[in-house]
């Protein structure tokens, strides 16, 4: 498992995710941020929308701020049994919060959060699948 997350690692992660997206004929954007949620690397495929680029960054940013994958955040916030107040907190203080599938925390071998990745351009399941691939690439570095 990688114990550092810099530009080299971010590029490898993003390149693998965009390659997988291209194989599925999707127009994707992918981003990697550091532990503070600041951008390390973002790529937008030809034909991908500007919204895809923003969403990929926002998902990664959200994962770092909550220190958990955005899929888990979405499931927690939108659990109807929890009541309306908890579902609305995602947008309470930060307009960048994006609690939708595809933001995945990247941790070192000792569990320290080094940053996160995010991607956008497919269905929620496709985004999550390609994000998990990016996390596997990171783990193999």
N, C-alpha and C. Protein backbone atom coordinates (compact mmCIF):
# COMPACT_ATOMS: atom_id res chain seq x y z
N UNK A 1 0.84 -1.18 0.00
CA UNK A 1 0.00 0.00 0.00
C UNK A 1 0.89 1.24 0.00
N UNK A 2 0.50 2.23 -0.76
CA UNK A 2 1.27 3.46 -0.85
C UNK A 2 1.21 4.23 0.46
N UNK A 3 2.32 4.84 0.82
CA UNK A 3 2.37 5.65 2.03
C UNK A 3 2.58 7.12 1.71
N UNK A 4 2.42 7.46 0.44
CA UNK A 4 2.51 8.86 0.04
C UNK A 4 1.54 9.09 -1.10
N UNK A 5 1.08 10.32 -1.20
CA UNK A 5 0.15 10.69 -2.26
C UNK A 5 0.59 12.02 -2.82
N UNK A 6 1.34 11.96 -3.91
CA UNK A 6 1.82 13.15 -4.59
C UNK A 6 1.33 13.15 -6.02
N UNK A 7 1.90 14.02 -6.83
CA UNK A 7 1.48 14.15 -8.22
C UNK A 7 1.68 12.86 -9.01
N UNK A 8 2.81 12.19 -8.80
CA UNK A 8 3.08 10.94 -9.53
C UNK A 8 1.98 9.91 -9.25
N UNK A 9 1.67 9.72 -7.98
CA UNK A 9 0.64 8.75 -7.61
C UNK A 9 -0.73 9.18 -8.12
N UNK A 10 -1.03 10.46 -7.99
CA UNK A 10 -2.32 10.98 -8.45
C UNK A 10 -2.50 10.76 -9.95
N UNK A 11 -1.45 10.99 -10.72
CA UNK A 11 -1.55 10.78 -12.17
C UNK A 11 -1.79 9.32 -12.50
N UNK A 12 -1.11 8.42 -11.81
CA UNK A 12 -1.31 6.99 -12.06
C UNK A 12 -2.75 6.57 -11.75
N UNK A 13 -3.28 7.06 -10.65
CA UNK A 13 -4.66 6.75 -10.26
C UNK A 13 -5.64 7.27 -11.31
N UNK A 14 -5.51 8.54 -11.67
CA UNK A 14 -6.42 9.16 -12.63
C UNK A 14 -6.30 8.50 -14.00
N UNK A 15 -5.07 8.23 -14.44
CA UNK A 15 -4.90 7.59 -15.75
C UNK A 15 -5.61 6.24 -15.80
N UNK A 16 -5.51 5.45 -14.73
CA UNK A 16 -6.16 4.14 -14.70
C UNK A 16 -7.68 4.29 -14.73
N UNK A 17 -8.20 5.27 -13.99
CA UNK A 17 -9.65 5.47 -13.97
C UNK A 17 -10.16 5.91 -15.34
N UNK A 18 -9.44 6.83 -15.99
CA UNK A 18 -9.90 7.31 -17.29
C UNK A 18 -9.77 6.24 -18.36
N UNK A 19 -8.77 5.38 -18.24
CA UNK A 19 -8.64 4.26 -19.18
C UNK A 19 -9.84 3.33 -19.03
N UNK A 20 -10.22 3.03 -17.79
CA UNK A 20 -11.39 2.17 -17.56
C UNK A 20 -12.66 2.82 -18.09
N UNK A 21 -12.79 4.13 -17.90
CA UNK A 21 -13.97 4.85 -18.40
C UNK A 21 -14.02 4.79 -19.93
N UNK A 22 -12.88 4.98 -20.57
CA UNK A 22 -12.83 4.93 -22.03
C UNK A 22 -13.23 3.55 -22.55
N UNK A 23 -12.80 2.51 -21.85
CA UNK A 23 -13.17 1.14 -22.25
C UNK A 23 -14.67 0.93 -22.17
N UNK A 24 -15.33 1.65 -21.29
CA UNK A 24 -16.78 1.56 -21.14
C UNK A 24 -17.50 2.60 -22.01
N UNK A 25 -16.73 3.33 -22.81
CA UNK A 25 -17.25 4.38 -23.69
C UNK A 25 -17.95 5.49 -22.92
N UNK A 26 -17.40 5.82 -21.76
CA UNK A 26 -17.91 6.91 -20.94
C UNK A 26 -17.01 8.12 -21.09
N UNK A 27 -17.58 9.29 -20.91
CA UNK A 27 -16.82 10.55 -20.93
C UNK A 27 -16.71 11.00 -19.48
N UNK A 28 -15.54 10.85 -18.91
CA UNK A 28 -15.32 10.98 -17.49
C UNK A 28 -14.36 12.10 -17.14
N UNK A 29 -14.46 12.53 -15.89
CA UNK A 29 -13.44 13.36 -15.25
C UNK A 29 -13.06 12.63 -13.96
N UNK A 30 -11.80 12.80 -13.57
CA UNK A 30 -11.32 12.17 -12.34
C UNK A 30 -10.37 13.13 -11.64
N UNK A 31 -10.45 13.12 -10.30
CA UNK A 31 -9.63 14.04 -9.50
C UNK A 31 -9.05 13.31 -8.30
N UNK A 32 -7.90 13.81 -7.84
CA UNK A 32 -7.28 13.34 -6.59
C UNK A 32 -6.93 14.58 -5.79
N UNK A 33 -7.28 14.54 -4.49
CA UNK A 33 -6.99 15.64 -3.58
C UNK A 33 -6.13 15.14 -2.44
N UNK A 34 -5.46 16.08 -1.76
CA UNK A 34 -4.68 15.72 -0.57
C UNK A 34 -5.59 15.64 0.65
N UNK A 35 -5.01 15.38 1.80
CA UNK A 35 -5.80 15.18 3.02
C UNK A 35 -6.59 16.42 3.43
N UNK A 36 -6.18 17.59 2.98
CA UNK A 36 -6.92 18.81 3.27
C UNK A 36 -8.02 19.11 2.27
N UNK A 37 -8.15 18.26 1.24
CA UNK A 37 -9.16 18.47 0.22
C UNK A 37 -8.70 19.35 -0.92
N UNK A 38 -7.40 19.68 -0.95
CA UNK A 38 -6.87 20.52 -2.02
C UNK A 38 -6.44 19.67 -3.20
N UNK A 39 -6.71 20.16 -4.39
CA UNK A 39 -6.49 19.42 -5.63
C UNK A 39 -5.02 19.12 -5.86
N UNK A 40 -4.73 17.85 -6.18
CA UNK A 40 -3.41 17.44 -6.64
C UNK A 40 -3.43 17.30 -8.15
N UNK A 41 -4.46 16.61 -8.66
CA UNK A 41 -4.53 16.36 -10.10
C UNK A 41 -5.98 16.13 -10.52
N UNK A 42 -6.36 16.70 -11.66
CA UNK A 42 -7.68 16.49 -12.24
C UNK A 42 -7.52 16.39 -13.74
N UNK A 43 -8.18 15.40 -14.34
CA UNK A 43 -8.21 15.27 -15.79
C UNK A 43 -9.65 15.14 -16.25
N UNK A 44 -9.92 15.75 -17.38
CA UNK A 44 -11.26 15.73 -17.97
C UNK A 44 -11.13 15.19 -19.39
N UNK A 45 -11.80 14.08 -19.68
CA UNK A 45 -11.73 13.48 -21.00
C UNK A 45 -12.38 14.39 -22.03
N UNK A 46 -11.93 14.30 -23.27
CA UNK A 46 -12.59 15.01 -24.35
C UNK A 46 -14.06 14.62 -24.36
N UNK A 47 -14.92 15.59 -24.41
CA UNK A 47 -16.35 15.34 -24.45
C UNK A 47 -17.02 15.30 -23.09
N UNK A 48 -16.23 15.23 -22.02
CA UNK A 48 -16.81 15.26 -20.67
C UNK A 48 -17.20 16.69 -20.35
N UNK A 49 -18.27 16.84 -19.62
CA UNK A 49 -18.75 18.19 -19.33
C UNK A 49 -17.95 18.85 -18.21
N UNK A 50 -18.07 20.17 -18.15
CA UNK A 50 -17.43 20.91 -17.05
C UNK A 50 -18.04 20.48 -15.71
N UNK A 51 -19.32 20.12 -15.72
CA UNK A 51 -19.95 19.64 -14.50
C UNK A 51 -19.29 18.35 -14.02
N UNK A 52 -18.92 17.45 -14.94
CA UNK A 52 -18.22 16.23 -14.55
C UNK A 52 -16.92 16.57 -13.81
N UNK A 53 -16.19 17.54 -14.31
CA UNK A 53 -14.93 17.93 -13.67
C UNK A 53 -15.18 18.47 -12.27
N UNK A 54 -16.17 19.33 -12.15
CA UNK A 54 -16.48 19.89 -10.83
C UNK A 54 -16.95 18.81 -9.87
N UNK A 55 -17.81 17.92 -10.34
CA UNK A 55 -18.31 16.84 -9.48
C UNK A 55 -17.20 15.91 -9.03
N UNK A 56 -16.25 15.60 -9.91
CA UNK A 56 -15.16 14.70 -9.52
C UNK A 56 -14.36 15.32 -8.38
N UNK A 57 -14.06 16.61 -8.51
CA UNK A 57 -13.35 17.30 -7.43
C UNK A 57 -14.19 17.34 -6.16
N UNK A 58 -15.46 17.72 -6.29
CA UNK A 58 -16.33 17.85 -5.11
C UNK A 58 -16.46 16.53 -4.35
N UNK A 59 -16.56 15.42 -5.08
CA UNK A 59 -16.67 14.11 -4.42
C UNK A 59 -15.41 13.81 -3.61
N UNK A 60 -14.25 14.05 -4.21
CA UNK A 60 -12.99 13.80 -3.50
C UNK A 60 -12.87 14.72 -2.29
N UNK A 61 -13.20 15.98 -2.46
CA UNK A 61 -13.18 16.96 -1.38
C UNK A 61 -14.08 16.52 -0.22
N UNK A 62 -15.30 16.11 -0.55
CA UNK A 62 -16.26 15.68 0.46
C UNK A 62 -15.74 14.49 1.24
N UNK A 63 -15.14 13.53 0.55
CA UNK A 63 -14.60 12.35 1.23
C UNK A 63 -13.53 12.74 2.25
N UNK A 64 -12.70 13.73 1.93
CA UNK A 64 -11.67 14.13 2.90
C UNK A 64 -12.29 14.85 4.09
N UNK A 65 -13.26 15.70 3.85
CA UNK A 65 -13.84 16.48 4.94
C UNK A 65 -14.62 15.60 5.91
N UNK A 66 -15.27 14.56 5.40
CA UNK A 66 -16.03 13.65 6.25
C UNK A 66 -15.19 12.45 6.68
N UNK A 67 -14.02 12.30 6.05
CA UNK A 67 -13.09 11.20 6.32
C UNK A 67 -13.74 9.83 6.12
N UNK A 68 -14.58 9.77 5.10
CA UNK A 68 -15.20 8.50 4.71
C UNK A 68 -15.65 8.59 3.26
N UNK A 69 -15.87 7.45 2.66
CA UNK A 69 -16.31 7.41 1.27
C UNK A 69 -17.69 8.05 1.13
N UNK A 70 -17.90 8.72 0.01
CA UNK A 70 -19.16 9.43 -0.18
C UNK A 70 -20.36 8.49 -0.31
N UNK A 71 -20.14 7.26 -0.73
CA UNK A 71 -21.25 6.29 -0.78
C UNK A 71 -21.80 6.10 0.63
N UNK A 72 -20.92 5.96 1.60
CA UNK A 72 -21.34 5.78 3.00
C UNK A 72 -22.02 7.04 3.53
N UNK A 73 -21.51 8.19 3.13
CA UNK A 73 -22.12 9.45 3.56
C UNK A 73 -23.54 9.54 3.02
N UNK A 74 -23.71 9.25 1.74
CA UNK A 74 -25.04 9.33 1.13
C UNK A 74 -26.00 8.38 1.81
N UNK A 75 -25.56 7.16 2.05
CA UNK A 75 -26.44 6.18 2.69
C UNK A 75 -26.85 6.65 4.08
N UNK A 76 -25.93 7.25 4.81
CA UNK A 76 -26.24 7.73 6.16
C UNK A 76 -27.19 8.93 6.11
N UNK A 77 -26.89 9.88 5.26
CA UNK A 77 -27.68 11.11 5.21
C UNK A 77 -29.08 10.91 4.65
N UNK A 78 -29.23 9.97 3.74
CA UNK A 78 -30.51 9.81 3.08
C UNK A 78 -31.28 8.60 3.59
N UNK A 79 -30.87 8.10 4.74
CA UNK A 79 -31.63 7.04 5.40
C UNK A 79 -32.91 7.68 5.94
N UNK A 80 -34.03 7.34 5.36
CA UNK A 80 -35.30 7.98 5.71
C UNK A 80 -35.67 7.79 7.19
N UNK A 81 -35.11 6.79 7.83
CA UNK A 81 -35.45 6.55 9.24
C UNK A 81 -34.79 7.57 10.17
N UNK A 82 -33.83 8.36 9.65
CA UNK A 82 -33.10 9.30 10.50
C UNK A 82 -33.79 10.65 10.63
N UNK A 83 -34.76 10.95 9.79
CA UNK A 83 -35.46 12.23 9.86
C UNK A 83 -34.84 13.27 8.94
N UNK A 84 -35.57 14.33 8.68
CA UNK A 84 -35.15 15.35 7.72
C UNK A 84 -33.92 16.12 8.15
N UNK A 85 -33.76 16.44 9.43
CA UNK A 85 -32.64 17.28 9.87
C UNK A 85 -31.30 16.70 9.48
N UNK A 86 -31.11 15.41 9.68
CA UNK A 86 -29.82 14.79 9.39
C UNK A 86 -29.55 14.78 7.89
N UNK A 87 -30.57 14.63 7.07
CA UNK A 87 -30.35 14.59 5.63
C UNK A 87 -29.90 15.94 5.09
N UNK A 88 -30.26 17.02 5.71
CA UNK A 88 -29.92 18.34 5.20
C UNK A 88 -28.54 18.84 5.64
N UNK A 89 -27.91 18.21 6.61
CA UNK A 89 -26.65 18.72 7.14
C UNK A 89 -25.52 18.69 6.11
N UNK A 90 -25.64 17.88 5.08
CA UNK A 90 -24.58 17.78 4.08
C UNK A 90 -24.29 19.13 3.43
N UNK A 91 -25.28 19.98 3.32
CA UNK A 91 -25.10 21.26 2.65
C UNK A 91 -25.06 22.43 3.63
N UNK A 92 -25.04 22.15 4.90
CA UNK A 92 -25.19 23.19 5.90
C UNK A 92 -24.09 24.24 5.86
N UNK A 93 -22.85 23.84 5.79
CA UNK A 93 -21.75 24.81 5.90
C UNK A 93 -20.88 24.92 4.67
N UNK A 94 -20.98 24.03 3.75
CA UNK A 94 -20.02 24.03 2.65
C UNK A 94 -20.72 23.64 1.34
N UNK A 95 -20.80 24.56 0.39
CA UNK A 95 -21.49 24.26 -0.86
C UNK A 95 -20.77 23.22 -1.73
N UNK A 96 -19.53 22.87 -1.38
CA UNK A 96 -18.81 21.85 -2.14
C UNK A 96 -19.18 20.43 -1.72
N UNK A 97 -19.82 20.27 -0.57
CA UNK A 97 -20.19 18.93 -0.12
C UNK A 97 -21.06 18.26 -1.17
N UNK A 98 -20.66 17.06 -1.55
CA UNK A 98 -21.36 16.31 -2.58
C UNK A 98 -21.49 14.86 -2.12
N UNK A 99 -22.53 14.56 -1.36
CA UNK A 99 -22.68 13.22 -0.81
C UNK A 99 -23.34 12.26 -1.81
N UNK A 100 -22.62 11.97 -2.87
CA UNK A 100 -23.08 11.00 -3.87
C UNK A 100 -21.95 10.02 -4.14
N UNK A 101 -22.28 8.87 -4.65
CA UNK A 101 -21.29 7.81 -4.88
C UNK A 101 -20.11 8.31 -5.71
N UNK A 102 -18.91 7.87 -5.33
CA UNK A 102 -17.74 8.12 -6.15
C UNK A 102 -16.59 8.83 -5.48
N UNK A 103 -16.72 9.30 -4.27
CA UNK A 103 -15.60 9.89 -3.53
C UNK A 103 -15.03 8.83 -2.60
N UNK A 104 -13.76 8.51 -2.75
CA UNK A 104 -13.16 7.41 -2.00
C UNK A 104 -11.90 7.88 -1.29
N UNK A 105 -11.86 7.65 0.02
CA UNK A 105 -10.72 8.04 0.85
C UNK A 105 -9.53 7.13 0.52
N UNK A 106 -8.35 7.73 0.46
CA UNK A 106 -7.11 7.00 0.24
C UNK A 106 -6.29 7.06 1.52
N UNK A 107 -5.95 5.89 2.06
CA UNK A 107 -5.24 5.81 3.34
C UNK A 107 -3.89 5.12 3.18
N UNK A 108 -2.96 5.49 4.05
CA UNK A 108 -1.66 4.84 4.09
C UNK A 108 -1.78 3.48 4.75
N UNK A 109 -0.68 2.75 4.79
CA UNK A 109 -0.71 1.41 5.39
C UNK A 109 -1.04 1.45 6.88
N UNK A 110 -0.78 2.57 7.55
CA UNK A 110 -1.12 2.67 8.98
C UNK A 110 -2.50 3.28 9.21
N UNK A 111 -3.26 3.52 8.14
CA UNK A 111 -4.62 4.02 8.26
C UNK A 111 -4.76 5.53 8.20
N UNK A 112 -3.65 6.24 8.08
CA UNK A 112 -3.70 7.70 7.98
C UNK A 112 -4.32 8.11 6.65
N UNK A 113 -5.28 9.03 6.70
CA UNK A 113 -5.87 9.53 5.47
C UNK A 113 -4.87 10.43 4.75
N UNK A 114 -4.54 10.06 3.51
CA UNK A 114 -3.61 10.84 2.71
C UNK A 114 -4.33 11.75 1.73
N UNK A 115 -5.58 11.43 1.45
CA UNK A 115 -6.37 12.21 0.50
C UNK A 115 -7.55 11.40 0.04
N UNK A 116 -8.04 11.73 -1.16
CA UNK A 116 -9.20 11.02 -1.70
C UNK A 116 -9.22 11.18 -3.22
N UNK A 117 -10.01 10.35 -3.85
CA UNK A 117 -10.23 10.45 -5.28
C UNK A 117 -11.71 10.64 -5.53
N UNK A 118 -12.02 11.18 -6.68
CA UNK A 118 -13.41 11.34 -7.09
C UNK A 118 -13.50 11.27 -8.59
N UNK A 119 -14.63 10.89 -9.09
CA UNK A 119 -14.83 10.78 -10.53
C UNK A 119 -16.29 11.01 -10.85
N UNK A 120 -16.54 11.36 -12.10
CA UNK A 120 -17.90 11.63 -12.52
C UNK A 120 -18.02 11.45 -14.02
N UNK A 121 -19.16 10.92 -14.44
CA UNK A 121 -19.40 10.78 -15.86
C UNK A 121 -20.29 9.60 -16.21
N UNK A 122 -20.58 8.77 -15.24
CA UNK A 122 -21.44 7.62 -15.48
C UNK A 122 -22.59 7.59 -14.51
N UNK A 123 -23.21 6.44 -14.39
CA UNK A 123 -24.23 6.26 -13.38
C UNK A 123 -23.54 6.21 -12.01
N UNK A 124 -24.28 6.34 -10.92
CA UNK A 124 -23.63 6.21 -9.62
C UNK A 124 -22.84 4.91 -9.48
N UNK A 125 -23.40 3.79 -9.96
CA UNK A 125 -22.69 2.51 -9.86
C UNK A 125 -21.42 2.50 -10.70
N UNK A 126 -21.47 3.10 -11.90
CA UNK A 126 -20.27 3.17 -12.75
C UNK A 126 -19.21 4.06 -12.11
N UNK A 127 -19.64 5.19 -11.56
CA UNK A 127 -18.69 6.07 -10.88
C UNK A 127 -18.01 5.33 -9.73
N UNK A 128 -18.80 4.65 -8.93
CA UNK A 128 -18.27 3.91 -7.78
C UNK A 128 -17.31 2.81 -8.23
N UNK A 129 -17.68 2.08 -9.26
CA UNK A 129 -16.84 0.99 -9.77
C UNK A 129 -15.47 1.52 -10.24
N UNK A 130 -15.50 2.60 -10.99
CA UNK A 130 -14.23 3.15 -11.49
C UNK A 130 -13.44 3.78 -10.34
N UNK A 131 -14.11 4.36 -9.38
CA UNK A 131 -13.42 4.89 -8.21
C UNK A 131 -12.75 3.78 -7.41
N UNK A 132 -13.42 2.65 -7.24
CA UNK A 132 -12.83 1.53 -6.53
C UNK A 132 -11.60 1.00 -7.27
N UNK A 133 -11.64 1.04 -8.60
CA UNK A 133 -10.47 0.66 -9.38
C UNK A 133 -9.31 1.61 -9.07
N UNK A 134 -9.60 2.90 -9.01
CA UNK A 134 -8.56 3.87 -8.67
C UNK A 134 -7.98 3.61 -7.29
N UNK A 135 -8.83 3.24 -6.34
CA UNK A 135 -8.35 2.93 -4.99
C UNK A 135 -7.45 1.69 -5.01
N UNK A 136 -7.76 0.71 -5.84
CA UNK A 136 -6.91 -0.48 -5.96
C UNK A 136 -5.55 -0.12 -6.57
N UNK A 137 -5.56 0.76 -7.55
CA UNK A 137 -4.30 1.22 -8.14
C UNK A 137 -3.45 1.89 -7.06
N UNK A 138 -4.07 2.75 -6.27
CA UNK A 138 -3.34 3.42 -5.18
C UNK A 138 -2.76 2.39 -4.21
N UNK A 139 -3.56 1.40 -3.84
CA UNK A 139 -3.10 0.38 -2.89
C UNK A 139 -1.92 -0.42 -3.43
N UNK A 140 -1.84 -0.54 -4.74
CA UNK A 140 -0.75 -1.31 -5.35
C UNK A 140 0.53 -0.50 -5.55
N UNK A 141 0.48 0.80 -5.35
CA UNK A 141 1.67 1.63 -5.58
C UNK A 141 2.72 1.42 -4.50
